[in-house]
């Protein structure tokens, strides 16, 4: 996907992902060489969230809906 549109309230502007990002030549070389991890370690991510206190807030209010769910 080369173009994305902003979902904000202002007038939509097309973002060209190849031309509009402020990346250096070194950034592009690194991104071409770096392999994306197809199986990320979520344990490290959860440890990070715990470290920054992401789970310290109050639990969100539970909402129960009077709707039946069917497959």
N, C-alpha and C. Protein backbone atom coordinates (compact mmCIF):
# COMPACT_ATOMS: atom_id res chain seq x y z
N UNK A 1 0.86 -1.16 0.00
CA UNK A 1 0.00 0.00 0.00
C UNK A 1 0.91 1.22 0.00
N UNK A 2 0.82 2.02 -1.03
CA UNK A 2 1.71 3.16 -1.17
C UNK A 2 1.14 4.43 -0.56
N UNK A 3 -0.14 4.61 -0.62
CA UNK A 3 -0.76 5.84 -0.11
C UNK A 3 -1.69 5.54 1.05
N UNK A 4 -1.76 6.48 1.98
CA UNK A 4 -2.67 6.36 3.11
C UNK A 4 -3.39 7.69 3.26
N UNK A 5 -4.59 7.65 3.78
CA UNK A 5 -5.34 8.87 4.03
C UNK A 5 -5.51 9.05 5.53
N UNK A 6 -5.41 10.28 5.98
CA UNK A 6 -5.62 10.59 7.39
C UNK A 6 -7.11 10.47 7.70
N UNK A 7 -7.42 9.95 8.89
CA UNK A 7 -8.82 9.83 9.27
C UNK A 7 -9.25 10.98 10.18
N UNK A 8 -8.45 12.04 10.25
CA UNK A 8 -8.77 13.18 11.09
C UNK A 8 -9.93 13.98 10.55
N UNK A 9 -10.36 14.99 11.32
CA UNK A 9 -11.51 15.81 10.93
C UNK A 9 -11.15 16.81 9.83
N UNK A 10 -9.87 17.13 9.70
CA UNK A 10 -9.47 18.10 8.69
C UNK A 10 -9.54 17.48 7.30
N UNK A 11 -9.38 18.32 6.30
CA UNK A 11 -9.44 17.85 4.92
C UNK A 11 -8.39 16.77 4.70
N UNK A 12 -8.78 15.69 4.07
CA UNK A 12 -7.90 14.55 3.86
C UNK A 12 -6.80 14.88 2.86
N UNK A 13 -5.57 14.50 3.20
CA UNK A 13 -4.44 14.70 2.31
C UNK A 13 -3.78 13.35 2.08
N UNK A 14 -3.44 13.06 0.86
CA UNK A 14 -2.81 11.80 0.52
C UNK A 14 -1.35 11.85 0.96
N UNK A 15 -0.90 10.81 1.67
CA UNK A 15 0.49 10.69 2.10
C UNK A 15 1.15 9.65 1.23
N UNK A 16 2.15 10.07 0.49
CA UNK A 16 2.92 9.15 -0.34
C UNK A 16 4.03 8.59 0.54
N UNK A 17 3.94 7.30 0.87
CA UNK A 17 4.87 6.70 1.80
C UNK A 17 6.29 6.63 1.25
N UNK A 18 6.47 6.71 -0.05
CA UNK A 18 7.81 6.64 -0.62
C UNK A 18 8.46 8.02 -0.74
N UNK A 19 7.66 9.09 -0.84
CA UNK A 19 8.23 10.41 -1.08
C UNK A 19 8.06 11.38 0.09
N UNK A 20 7.03 11.23 0.92
CA UNK A 20 6.71 12.23 1.93
C UNK A 20 7.37 11.99 3.29
N UNK A 21 7.95 10.82 3.52
CA UNK A 21 8.60 10.56 4.80
C UNK A 21 10.02 11.12 4.76
N UNK A 22 10.43 11.74 5.88
CA UNK A 22 11.76 12.34 5.96
C UNK A 22 12.77 11.29 6.41
N UNK A 23 13.24 10.52 5.44
CA UNK A 23 14.20 9.46 5.73
C UNK A 23 15.51 9.74 4.99
N UNK A 24 16.61 9.43 5.67
CA UNK A 24 17.92 9.60 5.04
C UNK A 24 18.24 8.37 4.20
N UNK A 25 19.26 8.48 3.40
CA UNK A 25 19.72 7.35 2.59
C UNK A 25 20.11 6.18 3.50
N UNK A 26 20.74 6.51 4.64
CA UNK A 26 21.15 5.47 5.59
C UNK A 26 19.92 4.76 6.18
N UNK A 27 18.85 5.52 6.43
CA UNK A 27 17.60 4.92 6.92
C UNK A 27 17.08 3.90 5.92
N UNK A 28 17.07 4.28 4.67
CA UNK A 28 16.55 3.41 3.62
C UNK A 28 17.39 2.14 3.49
N UNK A 29 18.72 2.29 3.55
CA UNK A 29 19.61 1.13 3.46
C UNK A 29 19.35 0.19 4.63
N UNK A 30 19.22 0.74 5.84
CA UNK A 30 18.97 -0.08 7.02
C UNK A 30 17.64 -0.83 6.90
N UNK A 31 16.60 -0.13 6.47
CA UNK A 31 15.29 -0.77 6.35
C UNK A 31 15.29 -1.86 5.30
N UNK A 32 16.07 -1.70 4.25
CA UNK A 32 16.17 -2.75 3.23
C UNK A 32 16.89 -3.98 3.76
N UNK A 33 17.85 -3.78 4.67
CA UNK A 33 18.66 -4.89 5.17
C UNK A 33 18.03 -5.58 6.37
N UNK A 34 17.28 -4.86 7.16
CA UNK A 34 16.72 -5.40 8.41
C UNK A 34 15.58 -6.37 8.12
N UNK A 35 15.66 -7.55 8.71
CA UNK A 35 14.58 -8.54 8.57
C UNK A 35 13.55 -8.30 9.65
N UNK A 36 12.30 -8.34 9.28
CA UNK A 36 11.24 -8.19 10.26
C UNK A 36 11.02 -9.54 10.95
N UNK A 37 10.87 -9.50 12.25
CA UNK A 37 10.64 -10.71 13.04
C UNK A 37 9.21 -11.16 12.84
N UNK A 38 9.03 -12.32 12.22
CA UNK A 38 7.68 -12.81 11.94
C UNK A 38 7.01 -13.38 13.19
N UNK A 39 7.80 -13.65 14.22
CA UNK A 39 7.25 -14.19 15.46
C UNK A 39 7.81 -13.37 16.63
N UNK A 40 7.25 -12.16 16.84
CA UNK A 40 7.81 -11.29 17.89
C UNK A 40 7.59 -11.88 19.29
N UNK A 41 8.49 -11.55 20.20
CA UNK A 41 8.41 -12.00 21.57
C UNK A 41 7.51 -11.05 22.34
N UNK A 42 6.26 -11.42 22.53
CA UNK A 42 5.31 -10.55 23.23
C UNK A 42 5.62 -10.44 24.71
N UNK A 43 6.35 -11.38 25.25
CA UNK A 43 6.73 -11.32 26.65
C UNK A 43 7.53 -10.06 26.96
N UNK A 44 8.47 -9.72 26.08
CA UNK A 44 9.27 -8.49 26.26
C UNK A 44 8.37 -7.26 26.18
N UNK A 45 7.41 -7.28 25.28
CA UNK A 45 6.49 -6.15 25.14
C UNK A 45 5.64 -5.99 26.40
N UNK A 46 5.12 -7.09 26.93
CA UNK A 46 4.32 -7.03 28.15
C UNK A 46 5.17 -6.58 29.34
N UNK A 47 6.43 -7.03 29.40
CA UNK A 47 7.34 -6.57 30.45
C UNK A 47 7.53 -5.06 30.36
N UNK A 48 7.68 -4.54 29.14
CA UNK A 48 7.83 -3.10 28.94
C UNK A 48 6.58 -2.37 29.41
N UNK A 49 5.40 -2.85 29.03
CA UNK A 49 4.16 -2.21 29.45
C UNK A 49 4.02 -2.21 30.96
N UNK A 50 4.42 -3.30 31.59
CA UNK A 50 4.36 -3.37 33.04
C UNK A 50 5.35 -2.38 33.67
N UNK A 51 6.52 -2.27 33.07
CA UNK A 51 7.57 -1.36 33.57
C UNK A 51 7.12 0.10 33.54
N UNK A 52 6.36 0.49 32.51
CA UNK A 52 5.93 1.88 32.41
C UNK A 52 4.60 2.14 33.11
N UNK A 53 4.05 1.10 33.74
CA UNK A 53 2.82 1.28 34.51
C UNK A 53 1.56 1.27 33.68
N UNK A 54 1.59 0.64 32.53
CA UNK A 54 0.43 0.63 31.64
C UNK A 54 -0.76 -0.12 32.24
N UNK A 55 -0.50 -1.01 33.19
CA UNK A 55 -1.58 -1.80 33.79
C UNK A 55 -1.99 -1.28 35.16
N UNK A 56 -1.45 -0.14 35.58
CA UNK A 56 -1.69 0.36 36.93
C UNK A 56 -3.00 1.11 37.08
N UNK A 57 -3.61 1.52 36.00
CA UNK A 57 -4.85 2.29 36.08
C UNK A 57 -6.03 1.44 36.45
N UNK A 58 -7.16 2.09 36.69
CA UNK A 58 -8.37 1.32 37.03
C UNK A 58 -8.84 0.51 35.83
N UNK A 59 -9.49 -0.60 36.13
CA UNK A 59 -10.02 -1.45 35.06
C UNK A 59 -11.14 -0.69 34.34
N UNK A 60 -11.26 -0.85 33.04
CA UNK A 60 -12.35 -0.17 32.33
C UNK A 60 -13.70 -0.71 32.77
N UNK A 61 -14.69 0.15 32.69
CA UNK A 61 -16.04 -0.25 33.08
C UNK A 61 -16.56 -1.31 32.10
N UNK A 62 -17.14 -2.36 32.66
CA UNK A 62 -17.68 -3.42 31.81
C UNK A 62 -19.05 -3.00 31.29
N UNK A 63 -19.28 -3.25 30.02
CA UNK A 63 -20.56 -2.93 29.40
C UNK A 63 -21.19 -4.23 28.91
N UNK A 64 -22.40 -4.48 29.33
CA UNK A 64 -23.11 -5.68 28.90
C UNK A 64 -24.19 -5.26 27.91
N UNK A 65 -24.23 -5.96 26.79
CA UNK A 65 -25.19 -5.65 25.73
C UNK A 65 -26.28 -6.71 25.70
N UNK A 66 -27.51 -6.29 25.43
CA UNK A 66 -28.63 -7.22 25.36
C UNK A 66 -28.79 -7.74 23.93
N UNK A 67 -27.72 -8.26 23.39
CA UNK A 67 -27.76 -8.78 22.01
C UNK A 67 -27.31 -10.22 22.01
N UNK A 68 -27.90 -11.00 21.13
CA UNK A 68 -27.50 -12.39 20.99
C UNK A 68 -26.46 -12.49 19.89
N UNK A 69 -25.50 -13.36 20.10
CA UNK A 69 -24.44 -13.55 19.12
C UNK A 69 -24.59 -14.92 18.49
N UNK A 70 -24.56 -14.95 17.17
CA UNK A 70 -24.64 -16.21 16.45
C UNK A 70 -23.57 -16.27 15.39
N UNK A 71 -23.08 -17.46 15.13
CA UNK A 71 -22.13 -17.66 14.04
C UNK A 71 -22.87 -17.81 12.74
